[in-house]
C-alpha atoms as a PDB file:
ATOM      1  CA  UNK A   1      -5.097 -14.013   0.766  1.00  0.00           C
ATOM      2  CA  UNK A   2      -2.334 -15.790  -1.053  1.00  0.00           C
ATOM      3  CA  UNK A   3      -4.390 -18.449  -2.528  1.00  0.00           C
ATOM      4  CA  UNK A   4      -6.725 -15.207  -4.260  1.00  0.00           C
ATOM      5  CA  UNK A   5      -4.016 -13.241  -5.023  1.00  0.00           C
ATOM      6  CA  UNK A   6      -2.440 -15.932  -6.480  1.00  0.00           C
ATOM      7  CA  UNK A   7      -5.598 -17.005  -8.636  1.00  0.00           C
ATOM      8  CA  UNK A   8      -6.712 -13.655  -9.510  1.00  0.00           C
ATOM      9  CA  UNK A   9      -3.254 -12.212 -10.237  1.00  0.00           C
ATOM     10  CA  UNK A  10      -0.766 -14.601 -11.463  1.00  0.00           C
ATOM     11  CA  UNK A  11       1.427 -13.593  -8.553  1.00  0.00           C
ATOM     12  CA  UNK A  12       3.120 -16.320  -6.157  1.00  0.00           C
ATOM     13  CA  UNK A  13       2.949 -15.105  -2.852  1.00  0.00           C
ATOM     14  CA  UNK A  14       4.924 -17.635  -1.376  1.00  0.00           C
ATOM     15  CA  UNK A  15       7.898 -16.030  -2.671  1.00  0.00           C
ATOM     16  CA  UNK A  16      10.743 -14.810   0.437  1.00  0.00           C
ATOM     17  CA  UNK A  17      10.148 -11.324  -1.038  1.00  0.00           C
ATOM     18  CA  UNK A  18       6.559 -10.638  -0.409  1.00  0.00           C
ATOM     19  CA  UNK A  19       4.947 -10.480   2.531  1.00  0.00           C
ATOM     20  CA  UNK A  20       1.395 -10.213   4.002  1.00  0.00           C
ATOM     21  CA  UNK A  21       1.283  -7.696   7.217  1.00  0.00           C
ATOM     22  CA  UNK A  22      -2.248  -7.598   8.680  1.00  0.00           C
ATOM     23  CA  UNK A  23      -3.265  -4.060  10.502  1.00  0.00           C
ATOM     24  CA  UNK A  24      -5.958  -5.093  12.643  1.00  0.00           C
ATOM     25  CA  UNK A  25      -3.919  -4.925  15.538  1.00  0.00           C
ATOM     26  CA  UNK A  26      -3.330  -0.763  15.356  1.00  0.00           C
ATOM     27  CA  UNK A  27      -5.551   0.676  17.567  1.00  0.00           C
ATOM     28  CA  UNK A  28      -8.370   1.990  16.486  1.00  0.00           C
ATOM     29  CA  UNK A  29      -8.325   0.430  12.975  1.00  0.00           C
ATOM     30  CA  UNK A  30     -11.242  -2.461  14.089  1.00  0.00           C
ATOM     31  CA  UNK A  31     -13.355   0.409  13.154  1.00  0.00           C
ATOM     32  CA  UNK A  32     -12.970  -1.215   9.706  1.00  0.00           C
ATOM     33  CA  UNK A  33     -14.185  -4.228  10.643  1.00  0.00           C
ATOM     34  CA  UNK A  34     -16.925  -2.667  12.279  1.00  0.00           C
ATOM     35  CA  UNK A  35     -18.595  -0.658   9.545  1.00  0.00           C
ATOM     36  CA  UNK A  36     -17.637   2.312  11.601  1.00  0.00           C
ATOM     37  CA  UNK A  37     -15.542   5.685  11.095  1.00  0.00           C
ATOM     38  CA  UNK A  38     -12.460   5.588  11.347  1.00  0.00           C
ATOM     39  CA  UNK A  39     -10.464   7.855  13.428  1.00  0.00           C
ATOM     40  CA  UNK A  40      -7.014   8.238  10.754  1.00  0.00           C
ATOM     41  CA  UNK A  41      -5.537  10.600  13.054  1.00  0.00           C
ATOM     42  CA  UNK A  42      -5.807   8.457  15.668  1.00  0.00           C
ATOM     43  CA  UNK A  43      -4.567   5.018  14.008  1.00  0.00           C
ATOM     44  CA  UNK A  44      -1.601   7.171  11.806  1.00  0.00           C
ATOM     45  CA  UNK A  45       1.287   6.588  14.549  1.00  0.00           C
ATOM     46  CA  UNK A  46       0.171   2.868  14.739  1.00  0.00           C
ATOM     47  CA  UNK A  47       0.243   2.515  11.162  1.00  0.00           C
ATOM     48  CA  UNK A  48       3.566   4.543  10.379  1.00  0.00           C
ATOM     49  CA  UNK A  49       4.797   2.286  13.749  1.00  0.00           C
ATOM     50  CA  UNK A  50       3.867  -0.847  11.896  1.00  0.00           C
ATOM     51  CA  UNK A  51       5.743  -0.001   9.077  1.00  0.00           C
ATOM     52  CA  UNK A  52       8.924   0.686  10.576  1.00  0.00           C
ATOM     53  CA  UNK A  53       8.788  -2.714  12.826  1.00  0.00           C
ATOM     54  CA  UNK A  54       8.184  -4.134   9.287  1.00  0.00           C
ATOM     55  CA  UNK A  55      11.356  -3.080   8.070  1.00  0.00           C
ATOM     56  CA  UNK A  56      12.914  -4.229  11.054  1.00  0.00           C
ATOM     57  CA  UNK A  57      11.978  -7.430  10.412  1.00  0.00           C
ATOM     58  CA  UNK A  58      12.665  -7.462   7.056  1.00  0.00           C
ATOM     59  CA  UNK A  59      15.286  -5.245   5.878  1.00  0.00           C
ATOM     60  CA  UNK A  60      15.353  -5.929   1.872  1.00  0.00           C
ATOM     61  CA  UNK A  61      11.867  -4.287   1.268  1.00  0.00           C
ATOM     62  CA  UNK A  62      12.002  -1.768  -0.892  1.00  0.00           C
ATOM     63  CA  UNK A  63       8.077  -0.725  -1.096  1.00  0.00           C
ATOM     64  CA  UNK A  64       5.174  -0.903   0.627  1.00  0.00           C
ATOM     65  CA  UNK A  65       2.000  -2.471  -1.525  1.00  0.00           C
ATOM     66  CA  UNK A  66      -1.246  -1.339   0.671  1.00  0.00           C
ATOM     67  CA  UNK A  67      -4.083  -3.402  -0.388  1.00  0.00           C
ATOM     68  CA  UNK A  68      -6.997  -2.009   1.222  1.00  0.00           C
ATOM     69  CA  UNK A  69      -8.928   0.641   0.026  1.00  0.00           C
ATOM     70  CA  UNK A  70      -8.859   2.006   4.135  1.00  0.00           C
ATOM     71  CA  UNK A  71      -5.536   2.734   3.903  1.00  0.00           C
ATOM     72  CA  UNK A  72      -4.547   5.398   1.574  1.00  0.00           C
ATOM     73  CA  UNK A  73      -5.168   8.415   4.338  1.00  0.00           C
ATOM     74  CA  UNK A  74      -1.145   6.626   5.927  1.00  0.00           C
ATOM     75  CA  UNK A  75       0.350   6.618   2.513  1.00  0.00           C
ATOM     76  CA  UNK A  76       2.206  10.087   3.444  1.00  0.00           C
ATOM     77  CA  UNK A  77       2.802   9.404   6.957  1.00  0.00           C
ATOM     78  CA  UNK A  78       4.704   5.670   5.860  1.00  0.00           C
ATOM     79  CA  UNK A  79       6.206   7.251   2.716  1.00  0.00           C
ATOM     80  CA  UNK A  80       7.551   9.903   5.099  1.00  0.00           C
ATOM     81  CA  UNK A  81       8.386   8.009   8.424  1.00  0.00           C
ATOM     82  CA  UNK A  82      10.152   5.099   5.840  1.00  0.00           C
ATOM     83  CA  UNK A  83      12.081   6.942   2.799  1.00  0.00           C
ATOM     84  CA  UNK A  84       9.909   3.751   0.687  1.00  0.00           C
ATOM     85  CA  UNK A  85       7.629   4.028  -2.288  1.00  0.00           C
ATOM     86  CA  UNK A  86       4.020   3.040  -0.924  1.00  0.00           C
ATOM     87  CA  UNK A  87       1.465   1.780  -3.541  1.00  0.00           C
ATOM     88  CA  UNK A  88      -2.384   2.373  -2.652  1.00  0.00           C
ATOM     89  CA  UNK A  89      -5.072   1.573  -4.418  1.00  0.00           C
ATOM     90  CA  UNK A  90      -4.735   5.916  -5.589  1.00  0.00           C
ATOM     91  CA  UNK A  91      -1.343   5.733  -6.898  1.00  0.00           C
ATOM     92  CA  UNK A  92      -1.826   2.365  -8.114  1.00  0.00           C
ATOM     93  CA  UNK A  93      -5.463   3.318 -10.345  1.00  0.00           C
ATOM     94  CA  UNK A  94      -2.908   6.594 -10.989  1.00  0.00           C
ATOM     95  CA  UNK A  95      -0.472   4.704 -12.668  1.00  0.00           C
ATOM     96  CA  UNK A  96      -2.788   2.240 -14.585  1.00  0.00           C
ATOM     97  CA  UNK A  97      -4.691   5.227 -16.094  1.00  0.00           C
ATOM     98  CA  UNK A  98      -1.401   7.204 -16.651  1.00  0.00           C
ATOM     99  CA  UNK A  99       0.014   3.480 -18.462  1.00  0.00           C
ATOM    100  CA  UNK A 100      -3.109   3.971 -21.303  1.00  0.00           C
ATOM    101  CA  UNK A 101      -2.309   8.114 -21.925  1.00  0.00           C
ATOM    102  CA  UNK A 102      -0.321   9.441 -24.804  1.00  0.00           C
ATOM    103  CA  UNK A 103       3.164  11.360 -23.103  1.00  0.00           C
ATOM    104  CA  UNK A 104       2.506  14.913 -22.808  1.00  0.00           C
ATOM    105  CA  UNK A 105       6.048  15.803 -23.213  1.00  0.00           C
ATOM    106  CA  UNK A 106       7.215  12.696 -25.737  1.00  0.00           C
ATOM    107  CA  UNK A 107       3.293  11.876 -27.556  1.00  0.00           C
ATOM    108  CA  UNK A 108       2.272  10.702 -30.725  1.00  0.00           C
ATOM    109  CA  UNK A 109       1.674  15.085 -31.825  1.00  0.00           C
ATOM    110  CA  UNK A 110       5.033  16.283 -31.003  1.00  0.00           C
ATOM    111  CA  UNK A 111       7.213  13.304 -33.121  1.00  0.00           C
END
């Protein structure tokens, strides 16, 4: 993924501040690769466990970026368990779209 991210996004993934962690070993998550429906109730504890393990391995981590569109169902659980921001496909799209909107409180209409 690092070369693709570097090419498409201009982000140098070789920097020590970025860590790519796979979810393929989480029990139940293999359904993604098989094209099957994922049992999110079964996968959620493993996702939280992996996030906590990442914080032990990388104690300076300040956020999680969930790249896969299969991951938003676990974002709230990871936020609650780890106390860090989680950026997933939904929150990143919201962030992008809000950057184009006029702020309701301070927008052009109320100057």
